[in-house]
């Protein structure tokens, strides 16, 4: 077992109380098994402490990437929150701590 950090990188953006996290595979050959394992349900469970009201995943196969939109995770958004990370930039790193189980032939 390993984490996403070993197989992908991530970027975060925000709009109001919604965070957008892009997950991009380092190697396009890993994309298919990442899609199988990094599901909206697993992402929602991984972010349960932020209480997302919904998680939508968009697949971008030509980029070997996925885009996750998590609703209601920024404590009201930039103008309303007292949260230290009001833009949610650290949430991309939190996603990269998600455990994954790569195929045996992938180190």
N, C-alpha and C. Protein backbone atom coordinates (compact mmCIF):
# COMPACT_ATOMS: atom_id res chain seq x y z
N UNK A 1 0.86 -1.18 0.00
CA UNK A 1 0.00 0.00 0.00
C UNK A 1 0.90 1.24 0.00
N UNK A 2 0.50 2.23 -0.75
CA UNK A 2 1.22 3.49 -0.89
C UNK A 2 0.19 4.62 -0.88
N UNK A 3 0.63 5.83 -1.13
CA UNK A 3 -0.31 6.95 -1.20
C UNK A 3 -0.29 7.57 -2.59
N UNK A 4 -1.29 8.38 -2.86
CA UNK A 4 -1.34 9.09 -4.14
C UNK A 4 -0.10 9.94 -4.38
N UNK A 5 0.49 10.43 -3.31
CA UNK A 5 1.68 11.29 -3.40
C UNK A 5 2.77 10.64 -4.26
N UNK A 6 2.87 9.32 -4.23
CA UNK A 6 3.90 8.60 -4.98
C UNK A 6 3.56 8.45 -6.47
N UNK A 7 2.31 8.73 -6.85
CA UNK A 7 1.86 8.45 -8.22
C UNK A 7 1.25 9.64 -8.95
N UNK A 8 1.02 10.74 -8.24
CA UNK A 8 0.33 11.88 -8.87
C UNK A 8 0.67 13.17 -8.14
N UNK A 9 0.35 14.27 -8.78
CA UNK A 9 0.44 15.58 -8.12
C UNK A 9 -0.92 16.24 -8.21
N UNK A 10 -1.12 17.31 -7.45
CA UNK A 10 -2.45 17.92 -7.37
C UNK A 10 -2.34 19.44 -7.31
N UNK A 11 -3.41 20.07 -7.75
CA UNK A 11 -3.55 21.53 -7.70
C UNK A 11 -4.94 21.85 -7.17
N UNK A 12 -5.06 22.96 -6.48
CA UNK A 12 -6.33 23.33 -5.88
C UNK A 12 -6.75 24.73 -6.31
N UNK A 13 -8.05 24.90 -6.46
CA UNK A 13 -8.65 26.21 -6.70
C UNK A 13 -9.91 26.31 -5.86
N UNK A 14 -10.49 27.50 -5.79
CA UNK A 14 -11.70 27.66 -4.99
C UNK A 14 -12.64 28.66 -5.64
N UNK A 15 -13.91 28.51 -5.34
CA UNK A 15 -14.96 29.45 -5.71
C UNK A 15 -15.98 29.40 -4.58
N UNK A 16 -16.05 30.46 -3.82
CA UNK A 16 -17.00 30.49 -2.71
C UNK A 16 -16.68 29.40 -1.71
N UNK A 17 -17.65 28.55 -1.44
CA UNK A 17 -17.50 27.48 -0.45
C UNK A 17 -17.19 26.14 -1.12
N UNK A 18 -16.72 26.20 -2.34
CA UNK A 18 -16.43 25.00 -3.14
C UNK A 18 -14.93 24.96 -3.45
N UNK A 19 -14.35 23.76 -3.32
CA UNK A 19 -12.95 23.58 -3.70
C UNK A 19 -12.88 22.64 -4.89
N UNK A 20 -11.91 22.91 -5.74
CA UNK A 20 -11.69 22.18 -6.97
C UNK A 20 -10.28 21.61 -6.87
N UNK A 21 -10.13 20.29 -6.90
CA UNK A 21 -8.81 19.67 -6.79
C UNK A 21 -8.55 18.85 -8.04
N UNK A 22 -7.50 19.20 -8.76
CA UNK A 22 -7.07 18.43 -9.93
C UNK A 22 -6.01 17.44 -9.49
N UNK A 23 -6.15 16.21 -9.92
CA UNK A 23 -5.19 15.14 -9.63
C UNK A 23 -4.62 14.68 -10.95
N UNK A 24 -3.30 14.77 -11.12
CA UNK A 24 -2.66 14.47 -12.39
C UNK A 24 -1.63 13.37 -12.17
N UNK A 25 -1.77 12.27 -12.90
CA UNK A 25 -0.83 11.15 -12.78
C UNK A 25 0.54 11.56 -13.28
N UNK A 26 1.58 11.13 -12.57
CA UNK A 26 2.95 11.36 -13.05
C UNK A 26 3.18 10.60 -14.35
N UNK A 27 2.63 9.39 -14.42
CA UNK A 27 2.80 8.52 -15.57
C UNK A 27 1.41 8.19 -16.12
N UNK A 28 1.17 8.50 -17.38
CA UNK A 28 -0.14 8.25 -17.98
C UNK A 28 -0.54 6.78 -17.90
N UNK A 29 0.44 5.87 -17.83
CA UNK A 29 0.15 4.44 -17.71
C UNK A 29 -0.55 4.10 -16.40
N UNK A 30 -0.43 4.96 -15.40
CA UNK A 30 -1.07 4.73 -14.10
C UNK A 30 -2.51 5.23 -14.04
N UNK A 31 -2.93 6.00 -15.02
CA UNK A 31 -4.22 6.67 -14.95
C UNK A 31 -5.39 5.70 -14.75
N UNK A 32 -5.43 4.60 -15.49
CA UNK A 32 -6.58 3.68 -15.43
C UNK A 32 -6.78 3.12 -14.03
N UNK A 33 -5.71 2.66 -13.39
CA UNK A 33 -5.90 2.10 -12.05
C UNK A 33 -6.17 3.20 -11.02
N UNK A 34 -5.67 4.40 -11.26
CA UNK A 34 -6.01 5.51 -10.36
C UNK A 34 -7.50 5.85 -10.46
N UNK A 35 -8.05 5.83 -11.67
CA UNK A 35 -9.48 6.09 -11.84
C UNK A 35 -10.31 5.05 -11.07
N UNK A 36 -9.88 3.80 -11.10
CA UNK A 36 -10.59 2.74 -10.38
C UNK A 36 -10.59 2.97 -8.87
N UNK A 37 -9.48 3.50 -8.35
CA UNK A 37 -9.32 3.59 -6.90
C UNK A 37 -9.68 4.95 -6.31
N UNK A 38 -9.51 6.01 -7.06
CA UNK A 38 -9.77 7.35 -6.53
C UNK A 38 -11.17 7.77 -7.00
N UNK A 39 -12.15 7.24 -6.32
CA UNK A 39 -13.55 7.46 -6.67
C UNK A 39 -14.11 8.64 -5.88
N UNK A 40 -15.22 9.21 -6.35
CA UNK A 40 -15.85 10.28 -5.58
C UNK A 40 -16.20 9.83 -4.15
N UNK A 41 -16.61 8.59 -4.00
CA UNK A 41 -16.97 8.08 -2.68
C UNK A 41 -15.76 8.02 -1.75
N UNK A 42 -14.63 7.56 -2.27
CA UNK A 42 -13.41 7.52 -1.43
C UNK A 42 -12.93 8.92 -1.09
N UNK A 43 -13.02 9.83 -2.05
CA UNK A 43 -12.60 11.21 -1.79
C UNK A 43 -13.52 11.83 -0.73
N UNK A 44 -14.81 11.61 -0.84
CA UNK A 44 -15.75 12.15 0.15
C UNK A 44 -15.43 11.59 1.54
N UNK A 45 -15.16 10.31 1.64
CA UNK A 45 -14.81 9.71 2.93
C UNK A 45 -13.48 10.26 3.45
N UNK A 46 -12.53 10.48 2.56
CA UNK A 46 -11.21 11.00 2.95
C UNK A 46 -11.32 12.43 3.50
N UNK A 47 -12.29 13.17 3.00
CA UNK A 47 -12.50 14.55 3.45
C UNK A 47 -13.67 14.66 4.43
N UNK A 48 -14.05 13.57 5.04
CA UNK A 48 -15.22 13.56 5.95
C UNK A 48 -15.10 14.61 7.05
N UNK A 49 -13.88 14.87 7.52
CA UNK A 49 -13.69 15.87 8.58
C UNK A 49 -14.09 17.28 8.12
N UNK A 50 -14.13 17.53 6.81
CA UNK A 50 -14.56 18.83 6.26
C UNK A 50 -16.05 18.83 5.92
N UNK A 51 -16.70 17.68 6.03
CA UNK A 51 -18.13 17.52 5.79
C UNK A 51 -18.59 18.02 4.41
N UNK A 52 -18.00 17.51 3.33
CA UNK A 52 -18.47 17.93 2.01
C UNK A 52 -19.91 17.49 1.79
N UNK A 53 -20.72 18.38 1.22
CA UNK A 53 -22.11 18.01 0.93
C UNK A 53 -22.21 17.22 -0.37
N UNK A 54 -21.17 17.23 -1.15
CA UNK A 54 -21.13 16.47 -2.39
C UNK A 54 -19.75 16.49 -3.01
N UNK A 55 -19.44 15.44 -3.76
CA UNK A 55 -18.17 15.35 -4.48
C UNK A 55 -18.49 14.88 -5.90
N UNK A 56 -18.04 15.63 -6.87
CA UNK A 56 -18.21 15.27 -8.28
C UNK A 56 -16.82 15.07 -8.87
N UNK A 57 -16.66 14.02 -9.67
CA UNK A 57 -15.38 13.75 -10.33
C UNK A 57 -15.57 13.92 -11.84
N UNK A 58 -14.63 14.64 -12.45
CA UNK A 58 -14.58 14.78 -13.90
C UNK A 58 -13.30 14.10 -14.38
N UNK A 59 -13.43 13.23 -15.37
CA UNK A 59 -12.28 12.50 -15.90
C UNK A 59 -11.71 13.22 -17.11
N UNK A 60 -10.39 13.33 -17.15
CA UNK A 60 -9.69 14.00 -18.25
C UNK A 60 -8.64 13.04 -18.80
N UNK A 61 -9.05 12.02 -19.56
CA UNK A 61 -8.13 10.98 -19.98
C UNK A 61 -6.96 11.47 -20.83
N UNK A 62 -7.17 12.46 -21.66
CA UNK A 62 -6.06 12.95 -22.51
C UNK A 62 -4.96 13.60 -21.68
N UNK A 63 -5.31 14.04 -20.48
CA UNK A 63 -4.32 14.65 -19.58
C UNK A 63 -3.88 13.70 -18.49
N UNK A 64 -4.42 12.47 -18.47
CA UNK A 64 -4.18 11.52 -17.39
C UNK A 64 -4.48 12.18 -16.05
N UNK A 65 -5.65 12.84 -16.00
CA UNK A 65 -6.01 13.63 -14.83
C UNK A 65 -7.48 13.43 -14.46
N UNK A 66 -7.78 13.85 -13.25
CA UNK A 66 -9.15 13.89 -12.75
C UNK A 66 -9.33 15.23 -12.06
N UNK A 67 -10.56 15.71 -12.06
CA UNK A 67 -10.86 16.94 -11.36
C UNK A 67 -12.00 16.65 -10.39
N UNK A 68 -11.78 16.96 -9.12
CA UNK A 68 -12.79 16.75 -8.10
C UNK A 68 -13.33 18.10 -7.64
N UNK A 69 -14.64 18.20 -7.54
CA UNK A 69 -15.28 19.39 -7.01
C UNK A 69 -15.97 18.99 -5.72
N UNK A 70 -15.54 19.60 -4.61
CA UNK A 70 -16.10 19.30 -3.28
C UNK A 70 -16.88 20.52 -2.81
N UNK A 71 -18.14 20.30 -2.53
CA UNK A 71 -19.01 21.40 -2.08
C UNK A 71 -19.01 21.55 -0.57
N UNK A 72 -19.07 22.80 -0.13
CA UNK A 72 -19.25 23.16 1.29
C UNK A 72 -18.10 22.69 2.18
N UNK A 73 -16.86 22.86 1.72
CA UNK A 73 -15.70 22.44 2.52
C UNK A 73 -14.81 23.59 2.98
N UNK A 74 -15.17 24.83 2.64
CA UNK A 74 -14.29 25.96 2.96
C UNK A 74 -14.85 26.86 4.06
N UNK A 75 -15.70 26.31 4.90
CA UNK A 75 -16.26 27.07 6.03
C UNK A 75 -16.88 28.38 5.58
N UNK A 76 -17.57 28.37 4.45
CA UNK A 76 -18.27 29.55 3.98
C UNK A 76 -17.55 30.29 2.88
N UNK A 77 -16.29 30.00 2.62
CA UNK A 77 -15.54 30.67 1.56
C UNK A 77 -14.60 31.72 2.10
N UNK A 78 -13.82 32.29 1.23
CA UNK A 78 -12.75 33.23 1.59
C UNK A 78 -13.24 34.39 2.45
N UNK A 79 -14.37 34.96 2.12
CA UNK A 79 -14.85 36.15 2.84
C UNK A 79 -15.55 35.83 4.16
N UNK A 80 -15.91 34.57 4.38
CA UNK A 80 -16.67 34.22 5.57
C UNK A 80 -15.90 33.42 6.61
N UNK A 81 -14.86 32.74 6.22
CA UNK A 81 -14.20 31.80 7.12
C UNK A 81 -13.13 32.46 8.00
N UNK A 82 -12.94 31.89 9.15
CA UNK A 82 -11.82 32.25 10.01
C UNK A 82 -10.70 31.22 9.88
N UNK A 83 -10.88 30.29 8.96
CA UNK A 83 -9.94 29.21 8.71
C UNK A 83 -8.60 29.79 8.23
N UNK A 84 -7.51 29.24 8.72
CA UNK A 84 -6.17 29.70 8.34
C UNK A 84 -5.92 29.51 6.84
N UNK A 85 -6.43 28.42 6.27
CA UNK A 85 -6.27 28.13 4.84
C UNK A 85 -7.59 28.40 4.14
N UNK A 86 -7.96 29.65 4.06
CA UNK A 86 -9.28 30.01 3.54
C UNK A 86 -9.49 29.66 2.08
N UNK A 87 -8.42 29.56 1.28
CA UNK A 87 -8.55 29.17 -0.12
C UNK A 87 -8.53 27.66 -0.30
N UNK A 88 -8.19 26.92 0.74
CA UNK A 88 -8.17 25.46 0.66
C UNK A 88 -6.98 24.89 -0.08
N UNK A 89 -5.88 25.65 -0.19
CA UNK A 89 -4.72 25.18 -0.95
C UNK A 89 -4.10 23.92 -0.36
N UNK A 90 -4.14 23.76 0.96
CA UNK A 90 -3.56 22.57 1.58
C UNK A 90 -4.41 21.33 1.35
N UNK A 91 -5.64 21.49 0.88
CA UNK A 91 -6.50 20.33 0.66
C UNK A 91 -5.98 19.45 -0.47
N UNK A 92 -5.24 20.00 -1.42
CA UNK A 92 -4.66 19.16 -2.46
C UNK A 92 -3.64 18.20 -1.87
N UNK A 93 -2.86 18.68 -0.91
CA UNK A 93 -1.89 17.77 -0.27
C UNK A 93 -2.62 16.72 0.55
N UNK A 94 -3.72 17.09 1.19
CA UNK A 94 -4.49 16.10 1.94
C UNK A 94 -4.98 14.99 1.01
N UNK A 95 -5.45 15.34 -0.19
CA UNK A 95 -5.87 14.32 -1.14
C UNK A 95 -4.72 13.37 -1.46
N UNK A 96 -3.51 13.90 -1.57
CA UNK A 96 -2.34 13.07 -1.90
C UNK A 96 -1.97 12.08 -0.79
N UNK A 97 -2.57 12.20 0.38
CA UNK A 97 -2.32 11.23 1.46
C UNK A 97 -3.27 10.04 1.37
N UNK A 98 -4.19 10.03 0.38
CA UNK A 98 -5.12 8.93 0.22
C UNK A 98 -4.36 7.65 -0.12
N UNK A 99 -4.58 6.56 0.64
CA UNK A 99 -3.91 5.30 0.33
C UNK A 99 -4.43 4.69 -0.97
N UNK A 100 -3.53 4.16 -1.77
CA UNK A 100 -3.88 3.46 -3.00
C UNK A 100 -3.07 2.17 -3.05
N UNK A 101 -3.55 1.24 -3.86
CA UNK A 101 -2.90 -0.06 -4.01
C UNK A 101 -2.57 -0.28 -5.47
N UNK A 102 -1.36 0.13 -5.90
CA UNK A 102 -1.02 0.00 -7.32
C UNK A 102 -0.90 -1.46 -7.73
N UNK A 103 -1.06 -1.75 -9.02
CA UNK A 103 -0.85 -3.11 -9.50
C UNK A 103 0.55 -3.60 -9.13
N UNK A 104 0.70 -4.88 -9.01
CA UNK A 104 1.98 -5.49 -8.56
C UNK A 104 3.18 -5.08 -9.40
N UNK A 105 2.97 -4.87 -10.71
CA UNK A 105 4.10 -4.53 -11.59
C UNK A 105 4.53 -3.07 -11.46
N UNK A 106 3.79 -2.26 -10.71
CA UNK A 106 4.14 -0.85 -10.52
C UNK A 106 4.74 -0.69 -9.14
N UNK A 107 5.94 -0.14 -9.04
CA UNK A 107 6.58 0.02 -7.70
C UNK A 107 5.90 1.07 -6.87
